[in-house]
Amino acid sequence: MLTQNRVYKKQILYRMKIKNQITANGANLPRRLFLRYAGAGAASVGLLAVDACHKDHKVVPFTGIDVGQGDSGLFNFTYAIKQVEAAFYSQVILTPYTGMTGDELTLLTAIRDQEILHCSFLKATLGSKAIIALTPDFSSIDFTNRLTVLFAAKNLEDTGVSAHCGSGYLIKNPVYLTLAAKILSVEGRHAAVIGNLLQNGFFASTVGSNGLNTNLSVADTLIVINKYLKNKVSAVSFNYVLT
């Protein structure tokens, strides 16, 4: 019994000694004990961090097509828009909506040809920097219905005009800026034609109350465009990444 009491007393004294060595800031903690406590603490924090990553942070692999950087990135951005528009009007002409008149066919065919021409021009200008051909997805559009088709066309054209106005200031090369302005002028005419087909005499749906064209950011533009694409487009350099 006495021996047990002595052992118990020694254990109490040892614990008191350790307690006295551990100060509020850990300055007097013996090196071996400090490493033991620090190691255990770091391991716990590490496990908690890993566990939190598994629980709260889902890693989403990037599967989109990035437009790139600088002026070529902005031209690829335009090229993506044009690919969608060219594919859209090609489908409109391939499967004319019910009741399409001869005049409407002529106008929509002209728009299709100009969009295809823009695509060819942008691809040639970009050369090796051009993004790959995009795969359209128009499953949400009923191409037999006139209003559905024209409203979809209006959405694309208005988006194109506002996108050019919203990103033009980012172009550094004056030659590229001039080319972009020429494309914008044609895009504005397309928007006016579609607006007039929907409502006779209504041409300027992209003009705000201040009399100026509305602006659309790269991010907001790609949200619209990606709705009509199977292989999505991203613009990391211009603060738009797929999620």
C-alpha atoms as a PDB file:
ATOM      1  CA  MET A   1       0.000   0.000   0.000  1.00  0.00           C
ATOM      2  CA  LEU A   2       2.882   2.310   0.897  1.00  0.00           C
ATOM      3  CA  THR A   3       4.603   1.579  -2.374  1.00  0.00           C
ATOM      4  CA  GLN A   4       1.467   2.386  -4.300  1.00  0.00           C
ATOM      5  CA  ASN A   5       1.108   5.692  -2.413  1.00  0.00           C
ATOM      6  CA  ARG A   6       4.695   6.636  -3.295  1.00  0.00           C
ATOM      7  CA  VAL A   7       4.095   5.877  -6.983  1.00  0.00           C
ATOM      8  CA  TYR A   8       0.880   7.874  -6.951  1.00  0.00           C
ATOM      9  CA  LYS A   9       2.659  10.789  -5.239  1.00  0.00           C
ATOM     10  CA  LYS A  10       5.439  10.760  -7.822  1.00  0.00           C
ATOM     11  CA  GLN A  11       2.883  10.835 -10.612  1.00  0.00           C
ATOM     12  CA  ILE A  12       1.178  13.880  -9.079  1.00  0.00           C
ATOM     13  CA  LEU A  13       4.504  15.701  -8.637  1.00  0.00           C
ATOM     14  CA  TYR A  14       5.505  14.941 -12.243  1.00  0.00           C
ATOM     15  CA  ARG A  15       2.211  16.267 -13.564  1.00  0.00           C
ATOM     16  CA  MET A  16       2.581  19.437 -11.477  1.00  0.00           C
ATOM     17  CA  LYS A  17       6.111  19.888 -12.854  1.00  0.00           C
ATOM     18  CA  ILE A  18       4.919  19.611 -16.438  1.00  0.00           C
ATOM     19  CA  LYS A  19       2.036  21.965 -15.757  1.00  0.00           C
ATOM     20  CA  ASN A  20       4.395  24.583 -14.326  1.00  0.00           C
ATOM     21  CA  GLN A  21       6.659  24.332 -17.371  1.00  0.00           C
ATOM     22  CA  ILE A  22       3.823  25.071 -19.807  1.00  0.00           C
ATOM     23  CA  THR A  23       3.265  28.829 -19.749  1.00  0.00           C
ATOM     24  CA  ALA A  24       0.618  30.835 -21.516  1.00  0.00           C
ATOM     25  CA  ASN A  25       2.851  31.476 -24.540  1.00  0.00           C
ATOM     26  CA  GLY A  26       4.590  28.125 -24.471  1.00  0.00           C
ATOM     27  CA  ALA A  27       8.043  29.726 -23.962  1.00  0.00           C
ATOM     28  CA  ASN A  28       9.116  27.347 -21.176  1.00  0.00           C
ATOM     29  CA  LEU A  29       7.738  24.186 -22.727  1.00  0.00           C
ATOM     30  CA  PRO A  30      10.453  21.522 -22.958  1.00  0.00           C
ATOM     31  CA  ARG A  31      11.587  20.975 -26.558  1.00  0.00           C
ATOM     32  CA  ARG A  32      10.570  17.309 -26.665  1.00  0.00           C
ATOM     33  CA  LEU A  33       7.152  18.015 -25.236  1.00  0.00           C
ATOM     34  CA  PHE A  34       6.691  21.052 -27.431  1.00  0.00           C
ATOM     35  CA  LEU A  35       7.371  19.015 -30.555  1.00  0.00           C
ATOM     36  CA  ARG A  36       5.000  16.363 -29.297  1.00  0.00           C
ATOM     37  CA  TYR A  37       2.195  18.854 -28.684  1.00  0.00           C
ATOM     38  CA  ALA A  38       2.915  20.858 -31.833  1.00  0.00           C
ATOM     39  CA  GLY A  39       3.046  17.731 -33.937  1.00  0.00           C
ATOM     40  CA  ALA A  40      -0.233  16.494 -32.583  1.00  0.00           C
ATOM     41  CA  GLY A  41      -1.819  19.919 -33.096  1.00  0.00           C
ATOM     42  CA  ALA A  42      -0.560  20.251 -36.657  1.00  0.00           C
ATOM     43  CA  ALA A  43      -1.723  16.769 -37.478  1.00  0.00           C
ATOM     44  CA  SER A  44      -5.162  17.560 -36.100  1.00  0.00           C
ATOM     45  CA  VAL A  45      -5.385  20.795 -38.078  1.00  0.00           C
ATOM     46  CA  GLY A  46      -4.206  18.989 -41.213  1.00  0.00           C
ATOM     47  CA  LEU A  47      -6.797  16.279 -40.796  1.00  0.00           C
ATOM     48  CA  LEU A  48      -9.483  18.873 -40.222  1.00  0.00           C
ATOM     49  CA  ALA A  49      -8.394  20.777 -43.321  1.00  0.00           C
ATOM     50  CA  VAL A  50      -8.401  17.669 -45.484  1.00  0.00           C
ATOM     51  CA  ASP A  51     -11.760  16.667 -44.086  1.00  0.00           C
ATOM     52  CA  ALA A  52     -13.140  20.150 -44.772  1.00  0.00           C
ATOM     53  CA  CYS A  53     -11.866  19.994 -48.354  1.00  0.00           C
ATOM     54  CA  HIS A  54     -13.603  16.703 -48.900  1.00  0.00           C
ATOM     55  CA  LYS A  55     -16.832  17.945 -47.379  1.00  0.00           C
ATOM     56  CA  ASP A  56     -17.108  21.578 -48.457  1.00  0.00           C
ATOM     57  CA  HIS A  57     -15.008  22.041 -51.586  1.00  0.00           C
ATOM     58  CA  LYS A  58     -15.944  20.178 -54.729  1.00  0.00           C
ATOM     59  CA  VAL A  59     -13.221  20.229 -57.359  1.00  0.00           C
ATOM     60  CA  VAL A  60     -14.762  21.026 -60.743  1.00  0.00           C
ATOM     61  CA  PRO A  61     -12.476  20.102 -63.656  1.00  0.00           C
ATOM     62  CA  PHE A  62     -12.166  22.744 -66.352  1.00  0.00           C
ATOM     63  CA  THR A  63     -13.661  21.340 -69.532  1.00  0.00           C
ATOM     64  CA  GLY A  64     -14.305  24.515 -71.507  1.00  0.00           C
ATOM     65  CA  ILE A  65     -12.479  26.146 -74.406  1.00  0.00           C
ATOM     66  CA  ASP A  66     -10.623  29.249 -73.268  1.00  0.00           C
ATOM     67  CA  VAL A  67     -10.430  32.173 -75.693  1.00  0.00           C
ATOM     68  CA  GLY A  68      -6.928  33.188 -74.631  1.00  0.00           C
ATOM     69  CA  GLN A  69      -5.396  36.537 -73.719  1.00  0.00           C
ATOM     70  CA  GLY A  70      -5.102  40.055 -75.079  1.00  0.00           C
ATOM     71  CA  ASP A  71      -6.395  41.143 -78.468  1.00  0.00           C
ATOM     72  CA  SER A  72      -6.359  37.612 -79.879  1.00  0.00           C
ATOM     73  CA  GLY A  73      -8.414  36.506 -76.890  1.00  0.00           C
ATOM     74  CA  LEU A  74     -10.973  39.206 -77.606  1.00  0.00           C
ATOM     75  CA  PHE A  75     -11.102  38.224 -81.275  1.00  0.00           C
ATOM     76  CA  ASN A  76     -11.597  34.596 -80.244  1.00  0.00           C
ATOM     77  CA  PHE A  77     -14.397  35.835 -77.997  1.00  0.00           C
ATOM     78  CA  THR A  78     -15.995  37.451 -81.066  1.00  0.00           C
ATOM     79  CA  TYR A  79     -15.246  34.339 -83.101  1.00  0.00           C
ATOM     80  CA  ALA A  80     -17.175  32.225 -80.586  1.00  0.00           C
ATOM     81  CA  ILE A  81     -20.196  34.526 -80.881  1.00  0.00           C
ATOM     82  CA  LYS A  82     -20.007  34.417 -84.662  1.00  0.00           C
ATOM     83  CA  GLN A  83     -19.796  30.639 -84.751  1.00  0.00           C
ATOM     84  CA  VAL A  84     -23.027  30.402 -82.785  1.00  0.00           C
ATOM     85  CA  GLU A  85     -24.773  32.979 -84.981  1.00  0.00           C
ATOM     86  CA  ALA A  86     -23.579  31.387 -88.222  1.00  0.00           C
ATOM     87  CA  ALA A  87     -24.741  27.946 -87.089  1.00  0.00           C
ATOM     88  CA  PHE A  88     -28.079  29.378 -85.967  1.00  0.00           C
ATOM     89  CA  TYR A  89     -28.905  31.110 -89.259  1.00  0.00           C
ATOM     90  CA  SER A  90     -27.682  28.095 -91.213  1.00  0.00           C
ATOM     91  CA  GLN A  91     -30.263  26.013 -89.375  1.00  0.00           C
ATOM     92  CA  VAL A  92     -32.957  28.648 -89.959  1.00  0.00           C
ATOM     93  CA  ILE A  93     -32.372  28.511 -93.712  1.00  0.00           C
ATOM     94  CA  LEU A  94     -32.018  24.724 -93.721  1.00  0.00           C
ATOM     95  CA  THR A  95     -35.384  24.282 -91.975  1.00  0.00           C
ATOM     96  CA  PRO A  96     -37.481  27.411 -92.669  1.00  0.00           C
ATOM     97  CA  TYR A  97     -40.136  28.172 -90.084  1.00  0.00           C
ATOM     98  CA  THR A  98     -43.782  27.847 -91.004  1.00  0.00           C
ATOM     99  CA  GLY A  99     -45.017  30.793 -93.052  1.00  0.00           C
ATOM    100  CA  MET A 100     -41.590  32.216 -93.913  1.00  0.00           C
ATOM    101  CA  THR A 101     -42.071  34.745 -96.730  1.00  0.00           C
ATOM    102  CA  GLY A 102     -39.782  35.260 -99.687  1.00  0.00           C
ATOM    103  CA  ASP A 103     -38.568  38.587 -98.276  1.00  0.00           C
ATOM    104  CA  GLU A 104     -37.816  36.987 -94.895  1.00  0.00           C
ATOM    105  CA  LEU A 105     -35.906  34.181 -96.589  1.00  0.00           C
ATOM    106  CA  THR A 106     -33.836  36.718 -98.524  1.00  0.00           C
ATOM    107  CA  LEU A 107     -33.018  38.760 -95.420  1.00  0.00           C
ATOM    108  CA  LEU A 108     -32.192  35.784 -93.209  1.00  0.00           C
ATOM    109  CA  THR A 109     -30.063  34.207 -95.931  1.00  0.00           C
ATOM    110  CA  ALA A 110     -28.093  37.448 -96.268  1.00  0.00           C
ATOM    111  CA  ILE A 111     -27.513  37.506 -92.503  1.00  0.00           C
ATOM    112  CA  ARG A 112     -26.396  33.858 -92.580  1.00  0.00           C
ATOM    113  CA  ASP A 113     -23.895  34.550 -95.363  1.00  0.00           C
ATOM    114  CA  GLN A 114     -22.463  37.553 -93.547  1.00  0.00           C
ATOM    115  CA  GLU A 115     -22.076  35.611 -90.282  1.00  0.00           C
ATOM    116  CA  ILE A 116     -20.281  32.802 -92.136  1.00  0.00           C
ATOM    117  CA  LEU A 117     -18.040  35.406 -93.769  1.00  0.00           C
ATOM    118  CA  HIS A 118     -17.238  36.918 -90.367  1.00  0.00           C
ATOM    119  CA  CYS A 119     -16.302  33.470 -89.070  1.00  0.00           C
ATOM    120  CA  SER A 120     -13.957  32.852 -91.995  1.00  0.00           C
ATOM    121  CA  PHE A 121     -12.374  36.277 -91.619  1.00  0.00           C
ATOM    122  CA  LEU A 122     -11.822  35.934 -87.849  1.00  0.00           C
ATOM    123  CA  LYS A 123     -10.387  32.442 -88.200  1.00  0.00           C
ATOM    124  CA  ALA A 124      -7.957  33.624 -90.891  1.00  0.00           C
ATOM    125  CA  THR A 125      -6.956  36.676 -88.844  1.00  0.00           C
ATOM    126  CA  LEU A 126      -6.328  34.632 -85.702  1.00  0.00           C
ATOM    127  CA  GLY A 127      -4.406  31.931 -87.522  1.00  0.00           C
ATOM    128  CA  SER A 128      -2.906  29.388 -85.131  1.00  0.00           C
ATOM    129  CA  LYS A 129      -4.433  31.221 -82.156  1.00  0.00           C
ATOM    130  CA  ALA A 130      -8.008  30.572 -83.284  1.00  0.00           C
ATOM    131  CA  ILE A 131     -10.120  28.373 -81.029  1.00  0.00           C
ATOM    132  CA  ILE A 132     -11.466  25.118 -82.430  1.00  0.00           C
ATOM    133  CA  ALA A 133     -14.793  24.817 -84.203  1.00  0.00           C
ATOM    134  CA  LEU A 134     -17.620  24.892 -81.662  1.00  0.00           C
ATOM    135  CA  THR A 135     -20.507  22.444 -81.561  1.00  0.00           C
ATOM    136  CA  PRO A 136     -23.903  24.195 -81.421  1.00  0.00           C
ATOM    137  CA  ASP A 137     -26.832  23.007 -79.338  1.00  0.00           C
ATOM    138  CA  PHE A 138     -30.138  24.524 -80.435  1.00  0.00           C
ATOM    139  CA  SER A 139     -32.334  21.860 -78.853  1.00  0.00           C
ATOM    140  CA  SER A 140     -34.176  24.566 -76.903  1.00  0.00           C
ATOM    141  CA  ILE A 141     -35.357  26.286 -80.103  1.00  0.00           C
ATOM    142  CA  ASP A 142     -38.371  25.235 -82.136  1.00  0.00           C
ATOM    143  CA  PHE A 143     -37.237  26.126 -85.649  1.00  0.00           C
ATOM    144  CA  THR A 144     -40.736  25.581 -87.051  1.00  0.00           C
ATOM    145  CA  ASN A 145     -42.151  28.509 -85.054  1.00  0.00           C
ATOM    146  CA  ARG A 146     -41.602  31.979 -86.505  1.00  0.00           C
ATOM    147  CA  LEU A 147     -41.739  33.940 -83.251  1.00  0.00           C
ATOM    148  CA  THR A 148     -39.511  31.474 -81.434  1.00  0.00           C
ATOM    149  CA  VAL A 149     -36.888  31.712 -84.166  1.00  0.00           C
ATOM    150  CA  LEU A 150     -37.026  35.497 -84.451  1.00  0.00           C
ATOM    151  CA  PHE A 151     -36.863  36.038 -80.689  1.00  0.00           C
ATOM    152  CA  ALA A 152     -33.851  33.712 -80.527  1.00  0.00           C
ATOM    153  CA  ALA A 153     -32.290  35.694 -83.385  1.00  0.00           C
ATOM    154  CA  LYS A 154     -33.020  38.938 -81.548  1.00  0.00           C
ATOM    155  CA  ASN A 155     -31.388  37.589 -78.397  1.00  0.00           C
ATOM    156  CA  LEU A 156     -28.251  36.598 -80.318  1.00  0.00           C
ATOM    157  CA  GLU A 157     -28.002  39.841 -82.279  1.00  0.00           C
ATOM    158  CA  ASP A 158     -28.651  42.079 -79.273  1.00  0.00           C
ATOM    159  CA  THR A 159     -26.094  40.093 -77.309  1.00  0.00           C
ATOM    160  CA  GLY A 160     -23.562  40.469 -80.117  1.00  0.00           C
ATOM    161  CA  VAL A 161     -24.017  44.242 -80.357  1.00  0.00           C
ATOM    162  CA  SER A 162     -23.862  44.778 -76.598  1.00  0.00           C
ATOM    163  CA  ALA A 163     -20.881  42.437 -76.311  1.00  0.00           C
ATOM    164  CA  HIS A 164     -18.876  44.474 -78.823  1.00  0.00           C
ATOM    165  CA  CYS A 165     -19.764  47.689 -77.018  1.00  0.00           C
ATOM    166  CA  GLY A 166     -18.851  46.176 -73.664  1.00  0.00           C
ATOM    167  CA  SER A 167     -15.476  44.730 -74.654  1.00  0.00           C
ATOM    168  CA  GLY A 168     -14.221  47.095 -77.357  1.00  0.00           C
ATOM    169  CA  TYR A 169     -12.331  49.289 -74.894  1.00  0.00           C
ATOM    170  CA  LEU A 170     -10.123  46.292 -74.002  1.00  0.00           C
ATOM    171  CA  ILE A 171      -8.644  46.059 -77.517  1.00  0.00           C
ATOM    172  CA  LYS A 172      -5.119  47.521 -77.675  1.00  0.00           C
ATOM    173  CA  ASN A 173      -4.199  47.117 -81.338  1.00  0.00           C
ATOM    174  CA  PRO A 174      -5.794  49.958 -83.377  1.00  0.00           C
ATOM    175  CA  VAL A 175      -6.062  47.692 -86.439  1.00  0.00           C
ATOM    176  CA  TYR A 176      -8.004  45.117 -84.412  1.00  0.00           C
ATOM    177  CA  LEU A 177     -10.155  47.906 -82.987  1.00  0.00           C
ATOM    178  CA  THR A 178     -11.041  49.144 -86.472  1.00  0.00           C
ATOM    179  CA  LEU A 179     -11.938  45.617 -87.603  1.00  0.00           C
ATOM    180  CA  ALA A 180     -14.071  45.086 -84.503  1.00  0.00           C
ATOM    181  CA  ALA A 181     -15.902  48.362 -85.160  1.00  0.00           C
ATOM    182  CA  LYS A 182     -16.705  47.259 -88.722  1.00  0.00           C
ATOM    183  CA  ILE A 183     -18.077  43.941 -87.468  1.00  0.00           C
ATOM    184  CA  LEU A 184     -20.121  45.838 -84.883  1.00  0.00           C
ATOM    185  CA  SER A 185     -21.689  48.056 -87.553  1.00  0.00           C
ATOM    186  CA  VAL A 186     -22.860  44.981 -89.479  1.00  0.00           C
ATOM    187  CA  GLU A 187     -24.091  43.367 -86.282  1.00  0.00           C
ATOM    188  CA  GLY A 188     -26.121  46.485 -85.548  1.00  0.00           C
ATOM    189  CA  ARG A 189     -27.814  46.206 -88.929  1.00  0.00           C
ATOM    190  CA  HIS A 190     -28.631  42.570 -88.262  1.00  0.00           C
ATOM    191  CA  ALA A 191     -30.216  43.515 -84.946  1.00  0.00           C
ATOM    192  CA  ALA A 192     -32.261  46.234 -86.685  1.00  0.00           C
ATOM    193  CA  VAL A 193     -33.501  43.822 -89.373  1.00  0.00           C
ATOM    194  CA  ILE A 194     -34.593  41.223 -86.816  1.00  0.00           C
ATOM    195  CA  GLY A 195     -36.254  43.899 -84.689  1.00  0.00           C
ATOM    196  CA  ASN A 196     -38.194  45.133 -87.702  1.00  0.00           C
ATOM    197  CA  LEU A 197     -39.320  41.596 -88.586  1.00  0.00           C
ATOM    198  CA  LEU A 198     -40.732  41.222 -85.088  1.00  0.00           C
ATOM    199  CA  GLN A 199     -42.335  44.653 -85.008  1.00  0.00           C
ATOM    200  CA  ASN A 200     -42.529  46.820 -88.112  1.00  0.00           C
ATOM    201  CA  GLY A 201     -40.643  50.075 -87.571  1.00  0.00           C
ATOM    202  CA  PHE A 202     -38.849  48.866 -84.400  1.00  0.00           C
ATOM    203  CA  PHE A 203     -35.083  48.862 -84.997  1.00  0.00           C
ATOM    204  CA  ALA A 204     -33.106  49.888 -81.929  1.00  0.00           C
ATOM    205  CA  SER A 205     -33.588  47.361 -79.157  1.00  0.00           C
ATOM    206  CA  THR A 206     -29.949  47.686 -78.005  1.00  0.00           C
ATOM    207  CA  VAL A 207     -30.154  51.431 -77.335  1.00  0.00           C
ATOM    208  CA  GLY A 208     -30.657  52.528 -73.736  1.00  0.00           C
ATOM    209  CA  SER A 209     -32.617  55.463 -72.371  1.00  0.00           C
ATOM    210  CA  ASN A 210     -29.511  57.648 -72.730  1.00  0.00           C
ATOM    211  CA  GLY A 211     -29.476  57.098 -76.493  1.00  0.00           C
ATOM    212  CA  LEU A 212     -26.331  54.944 -76.358  1.00  0.00           C
ATOM    213  CA  ASN A 213     -25.884  51.246 -77.044  1.00  0.00           C
ATOM    214  CA  THR A 214     -26.053  49.035 -73.997  1.00  0.00           C
ATOM    215  CA  ASN A 215     -22.857  47.283 -72.853  1.00  0.00           C
ATOM    216  CA  LEU A 216     -22.497  43.614 -71.983  1.00  0.00           C
ATOM    217  CA  SER A 217     -19.454  42.173 -70.234  1.00  0.00           C
ATOM    218  CA  VAL A 218     -17.490  39.195 -71.523  1.00  0.00           C
ATOM    219  CA  ALA A 219     -18.821  37.105 -68.636  1.00  0.00           C
ATOM    220  CA  ASP A 220     -22.480  37.948 -69.268  1.00  0.00           C
ATOM    221  CA  THR A 221     -22.058  37.445 -72.996  1.00  0.00           C
ATOM    222  CA  LEU A 222     -20.607  33.955 -72.601  1.00  0.00           C
ATOM    223  CA  ILE A 223     -23.428  32.969 -70.268  1.00  0.00           C
ATOM    224  CA  VAL A 224     -25.823  33.650 -73.158  1.00  0.00           C
ATOM    225  CA  ILE A 225     -23.635  32.070 -75.845  1.00  0.00           C
ATOM    226  CA  ASN A 226     -22.882  28.925 -73.832  1.00  0.00           C
ATOM    227  CA  LYS A 227     -26.600  28.134 -73.701  1.00  0.00           C
ATOM    228  CA  TYR A 228     -26.321  27.307 -77.391  1.00  0.00           C
ATOM    229  CA  LEU A 229     -23.086  25.296 -77.213  1.00  0.00           C
ATOM    230  CA  LYS A 230     -22.181  21.730 -76.320  1.00  0.00           C
ATOM    231  CA  ASN A 231     -18.498  22.528 -75.828  1.00  0.00           C
ATOM    232  CA  LYS A 232     -18.580  25.594 -73.603  1.00  0.00           C
ATOM    233  CA  VAL A 233     -16.387  28.678 -73.913  1.00  0.00           C
ATOM    234  CA  SER A 234     -14.492  30.348 -71.078  1.00  0.00           C
ATOM    235  CA  ALA A 235     -12.441  33.541 -70.771  1.00  0.00           C
ATOM    236  CA  VAL A 236     -10.027  33.199 -67.871  1.00  0.00           C
ATOM    237  CA  SER A 237      -8.113  36.365 -68.746  1.00  0.00           C
ATOM    238  CA  PHE A 238     -11.336  38.339 -68.755  1.00  0.00           C
ATOM    239  CA  ASN A 239     -12.601  36.980 -65.401  1.00  0.00           C
ATOM    240  CA  TYR A 240     -14.979  34.312 -66.633  1.00  0.00           C
ATOM    241  CA  VAL A 241     -14.362  30.680 -65.701  1.00  0.00           C
ATOM    242  CA  LEU A 242     -16.794  27.800 -66.053  1.00  0.00           C
ATOM    243  CA  THR A 243     -18.212  26.423 -62.803  1.00  0.00           C
END
